[in-house]
Amino acid sequence: MGTSNERTAAALLRLYGRTYAEEAGIRLRDTPQPLYRLLVLACLLSARIRASVAVEAARCLAEAGMKDPRRMADATWQQRVDALGKGGYRRYDERTATQLGDGAHLLLDRYRGDVRRLREEADGDPGRLRKLLQELPGLGPAGVAIFLREVQGVWPEVHPCFDGKAGEGAALLGLPRDPGALARLVKRADAPAFAAALVRAALDKEIAGEVKEAARAGKGD
């Protein structure tokens, strides 16, 4: 049956264990396009806006063809605004459209449009990686944390990655906030989905009660 914490983690994964990348239709692999699309999603999610709106806006950008830095850079500012607006991302659409264009140009100029080259420049140093990512317009500490939570499944040097928001969710569920302790509650492959589920628990306080009840009933097994 496992420990109480393990049962809670299993219930959380069963009920809410889906990454934000999955919600946005991104099949995350260590290849240029999905990594770039995750960067865009992290930028959108970092604004003070509902996660569902950010996810839909990321989908709309992809559907409009803006799936890689070259296509994002080649799109007009208005095309980016229109795609964001179609996804309901209206409060920050103009500023974000500018940031996405500037960020695409930076990736093209410095890394030939390949996010993996940014990773190579960090040379396995998570702190250096965070610093380089924050040089991208619109990707501050919150956006970087989102990106790293999701990418830890394909970039092992950033595992375990459970940031402050995931820690808030853990506390509400009675789980430890320490990233290493949280990582030990699930299989390594489940870490990104577990981190995303913890964030959902932090954003929606009713989730904690639902998950605890499921764990008590043994529904997480």
Protein backbone atom coordinates (compact mmCIF):
# COMPACT_ATOMS: atom_id res chain seq x y z
CA MET A 1 0.00 0.00 0.00
CA GLY A 2 2.97 2.34 0.57
CA THR A 3 3.33 5.17 3.04
CA SER A 4 0.72 7.87 3.51
CA ASN A 5 2.80 10.28 1.43
CA GLU A 6 3.22 7.72 -1.35
CA ARG A 7 -0.54 7.10 -1.43
CA THR A 8 -1.18 10.84 -1.61
CA ALA A 9 1.35 11.25 -4.42
CA ALA A 10 -0.19 8.32 -6.31
CA ALA A 11 -3.69 9.78 -5.94
CA LEU A 12 -2.51 13.20 -7.10
CA LEU A 13 -0.86 11.70 -10.16
CA ARG A 14 -3.91 9.64 -11.01
CA LEU A 15 -6.29 12.57 -10.75
CA TYR A 16 -4.19 15.51 -11.97
CA GLY A 17 -0.96 14.05 -13.35
CA ARG A 18 -0.74 15.77 -16.71
CA THR A 19 1.91 18.25 -17.74
CA TYR A 20 0.99 21.65 -19.11
CA ALA A 21 2.93 20.72 -22.27
CA GLU A 22 0.57 17.78 -22.79
CA GLU A 23 -2.43 20.07 -22.34
CA ALA A 24 -1.02 22.36 -25.02
CA GLY A 25 -0.56 19.46 -27.43
CA ILE A 26 3.22 19.39 -27.13
CA ARG A 27 4.83 15.95 -27.32
CA LEU A 28 7.94 16.90 -25.41
CA ARG A 29 11.21 15.46 -26.68
CA ASP A 30 14.78 16.71 -26.75
CA THR A 31 14.33 18.14 -30.24
CA PRO A 32 14.17 21.80 -31.34
CA GLN A 33 10.48 22.31 -32.08
CA PRO A 34 8.85 20.89 -28.94
CA LEU A 35 11.49 22.54 -26.74
CA TYR A 36 10.77 25.89 -28.36
CA ARG A 37 7.03 25.41 -28.03
CA LEU A 38 7.56 24.67 -24.33
CA LEU A 39 9.55 27.91 -23.97
CA VAL A 40 6.65 29.82 -25.51
CA LEU A 41 4.18 28.06 -23.21
CA ALA A 42 6.32 28.88 -20.16
CA CYS A 43 6.37 32.54 -21.18
CA LEU A 44 2.58 32.58 -21.51
CA LEU A 45 2.00 30.72 -18.24
CA SER A 46 4.22 33.11 -16.27
CA ALA A 47 1.79 36.03 -16.70
CA ARG A 48 -0.99 36.68 -14.19
CA ILE A 49 -3.56 34.86 -16.27
CA ARG A 50 -5.44 31.57 -15.97
CA ALA A 51 -3.37 28.56 -16.95
CA SER A 52 -6.15 27.31 -19.24
CA VAL A 53 -6.00 30.58 -21.20
CA ALA A 54 -2.22 30.38 -21.54
CA VAL A 55 -2.46 26.79 -22.75
CA GLU A 56 -5.10 27.68 -25.33
CA ALA A 57 -3.05 30.65 -26.54
CA ALA A 58 -0.03 28.38 -26.99
CA ARG A 59 -2.20 26.03 -29.05
CA CYS A 60 -3.42 28.92 -31.21
CA LEU A 61 0.12 30.14 -31.88
CA ALA A 62 1.08 26.64 -33.01
CA GLU A 63 -2.03 26.30 -35.16
CA ALA A 64 -1.10 29.61 -36.81
CA GLY A 65 2.24 28.04 -37.77
CA MET A 66 4.43 29.68 -35.13
CA LYS A 67 6.02 26.45 -33.92
CA ASP A 68 9.69 27.40 -34.18
CA PRO A 69 11.80 30.55 -33.80
CA ARG A 70 12.07 31.18 -37.55
CA ARG A 71 8.32 31.09 -38.09
CA MET A 72 7.71 33.14 -34.96
CA ALA A 73 10.21 35.76 -36.12
CA ASP A 74 8.82 35.81 -39.66
CA ALA A 75 5.25 36.31 -38.45
CA THR A 76 4.12 39.90 -38.17
CA TRP A 77 3.47 41.47 -34.80
CA GLN A 78 -0.23 41.62 -35.67
CA GLN A 79 -0.31 37.93 -36.57
CA ARG A 80 1.11 37.11 -33.14
CA VAL A 81 -1.41 39.42 -31.46
CA ASP A 82 -4.27 37.82 -33.40
CA ALA A 83 -3.21 34.28 -32.46
CA LEU A 84 -2.90 35.23 -28.79
CA GLY A 85 -6.28 36.96 -28.90
CA LYS A 86 -7.90 33.92 -30.48
CA GLY A 87 -6.73 31.95 -27.45
CA GLY A 88 -8.24 34.51 -25.09
CA TYR A 89 -4.84 35.92 -24.09
CA ARG A 90 -5.97 39.55 -24.46
CA ARG A 91 -4.74 41.40 -21.41
CA TYR A 92 -1.07 40.86 -22.25
CA ASP A 93 -1.33 40.18 -25.98
CA GLU A 94 0.50 43.23 -27.34
CA ARG A 95 3.44 43.08 -24.95
CA THR A 96 3.71 39.32 -25.28
CA ALA A 97 3.61 39.49 -29.07
CA THR A 98 6.63 41.80 -28.96
CA GLN A 99 8.47 39.58 -26.47
CA LEU A 100 7.87 36.45 -28.53
CA GLY A 101 9.24 38.15 -31.62
CA ASP A 102 12.29 39.48 -29.79
CA GLY A 103 12.92 36.13 -28.14
CA ALA A 104 12.72 34.29 -31.45
CA HIS A 105 15.28 36.65 -32.97
CA LEU A 106 17.60 36.15 -29.98
CA LEU A 107 17.38 32.36 -30.30
CA LEU A 108 18.10 32.58 -34.02
CA ASP A 109 21.03 34.97 -33.62
CA ARG A 110 22.68 33.33 -30.62
CA TYR A 111 21.67 29.67 -30.82
CA ARG A 112 20.71 29.19 -34.48
CA GLY A 113 17.13 28.66 -33.36
CA ASP A 114 17.93 25.55 -31.33
CA VAL A 115 17.18 25.60 -27.58
CA ARG A 116 19.53 22.64 -27.17
CA ARG A 117 22.45 24.94 -27.98
CA LEU A 118 21.46 27.10 -25.01
CA ARG A 119 21.58 23.95 -22.89
CA GLU A 120 25.01 23.09 -24.28
CA GLU A 121 26.28 26.55 -23.34
CA ALA A 122 25.16 25.94 -19.76
CA ASP A 123 27.38 22.82 -19.78
CA GLY A 124 25.36 20.87 -17.23
CA ASP A 125 25.15 23.73 -14.70
CA PRO A 126 21.49 24.29 -13.70
CA GLY A 127 22.29 27.74 -12.30
CA ARG A 128 23.93 28.80 -15.53
CA LEU A 129 20.99 27.34 -17.45
CA ARG A 130 18.55 29.43 -15.44
CA LYS A 131 20.59 32.57 -16.12
CA LEU A 132 20.73 31.94 -19.86
CA LEU A 133 17.01 31.23 -20.05
CA GLN A 134 16.24 34.48 -18.24
CA GLU A 135 18.02 36.38 -20.99
CA LEU A 136 15.08 35.55 -23.26
CA PRO A 137 12.49 38.38 -23.34
CA GLY A 138 9.42 37.59 -21.27
CA LEU A 139 10.99 34.65 -19.48
CA GLY A 140 11.64 35.73 -15.90
CA PRO A 141 12.22 33.51 -12.85
CA ALA A 142 8.61 32.25 -12.84
CA GLY A 143 8.72 31.33 -16.53
CA VAL A 144 12.08 29.62 -16.15
CA ALA A 145 10.75 27.58 -13.22
CA ILE A 146 7.80 26.45 -15.34
CA PHE A 147 10.07 25.48 -18.23
CA LEU A 148 12.44 23.52 -16.01
CA ARG A 149 9.61 21.71 -14.17
CA GLU A 150 8.36 20.42 -17.49
CA VAL A 151 11.69 19.76 -19.20
CA GLN A 152 13.22 17.76 -16.34
CA GLY A 153 11.99 14.58 -17.97
CA VAL A 154 14.29 15.09 -20.97
CA TRP A 155 17.06 17.21 -19.40
CA PRO A 156 18.19 15.08 -16.43
CA GLU A 157 20.59 17.70 -15.05
CA VAL A 158 17.64 19.79 -13.78
CA HIS A 159 15.94 16.89 -11.96
CA PRO A 160 14.53 17.10 -9.34
CA CYS A 161 12.76 20.36 -10.14
CA PHE A 162 9.94 21.25 -7.77
CA ASP A 163 9.83 25.02 -7.42
CA GLY A 164 8.12 27.22 -4.84
CA LYS A 165 4.67 26.92 -6.41
CA ALA A 166 4.94 23.11 -6.46
CA GLY A 167 6.08 23.32 -2.84
CA GLU A 168 2.94 25.26 -1.95
CA GLY A 169 0.85 22.47 -3.39
CA ALA A 170 2.88 19.88 -1.53
CA ALA A 171 2.32 21.70 1.77
CA LEU A 172 -1.44 21.79 1.20
CA LEU A 173 -1.38 18.03 0.64
CA GLY A 174 0.71 17.37 3.74
CA LEU A 175 3.72 16.37 1.63
CA PRO A 176 7.32 17.51 2.16
CA ARG A 177 8.39 20.64 0.28
CA ASP A 178 11.96 19.46 -0.27
CA PRO A 179 12.53 18.69 -3.98
CA GLY A 180 14.55 15.55 -3.24
CA ALA A 181 11.92 14.20 -0.88
CA LEU A 182 9.17 14.88 -3.41
CA ALA A 183 11.15 13.19 -6.17
CA ARG A 184 11.43 10.02 -4.11
CA LEU A 185 7.64 9.70 -3.93
CA VAL A 186 7.23 8.99 -7.66
CA LYS A 187 9.05 7.33 -10.52
CA ARG A 188 11.56 9.62 -12.19
CA ALA A 189 9.59 9.55 -15.44
CA ASP A 190 6.56 10.89 -13.54
CA ALA A 191 8.39 13.89 -12.05
CA PRO A 192 7.17 16.47 -14.63
CA ALA A 193 3.54 15.39 -14.30
CA PHE A 194 3.84 15.24 -10.51
CA ALA A 195 5.28 18.76 -10.41
CA ALA A 196 2.46 20.06 -12.63
CA ALA A 197 -0.12 18.33 -10.43
CA LEU A 198 1.37 19.93 -7.32
CA VAL A 199 1.09 23.33 -8.98
CA ARG A 200 -2.57 22.66 -9.76
CA ALA A 201 -3.09 21.85 -6.09
CA ALA A 202 -1.51 25.18 -5.17
CA LEU A 203 -3.77 27.06 -7.60
CA ASP A 204 -6.99 25.28 -6.63
CA LYS A 205 -7.31 24.65 -2.90
CA GLU A 206 -10.20 22.20 -3.40
CA ILE A 207 -7.82 19.75 -5.07
CA ALA A 208 -6.04 18.99 -1.80
CA GLY A 209 -9.21 17.76 -0.15
CA GLU A 210 -10.18 15.67 -3.15
CA VAL A 211 -6.75 14.04 -3.37
CA LYS A 212 -6.56 13.33 0.36
CA GLU A 213 -9.95 11.64 0.23
CA ALA A 214 -8.87 9.57 -2.78
CA ALA A 215 -5.69 8.54 -0.99
CA ARG A 216 -7.66 7.46 2.10
CA ALA A 217 -9.99 5.43 -0.11
CA GLY A 218 -7.06 3.80 -1.86
CA LYS A 219 -7.96 5.28 -5.24
CA GLY A 220 -4.45 6.41 -5.94
CA ASP A 221 -3.08 2.87 -6.17
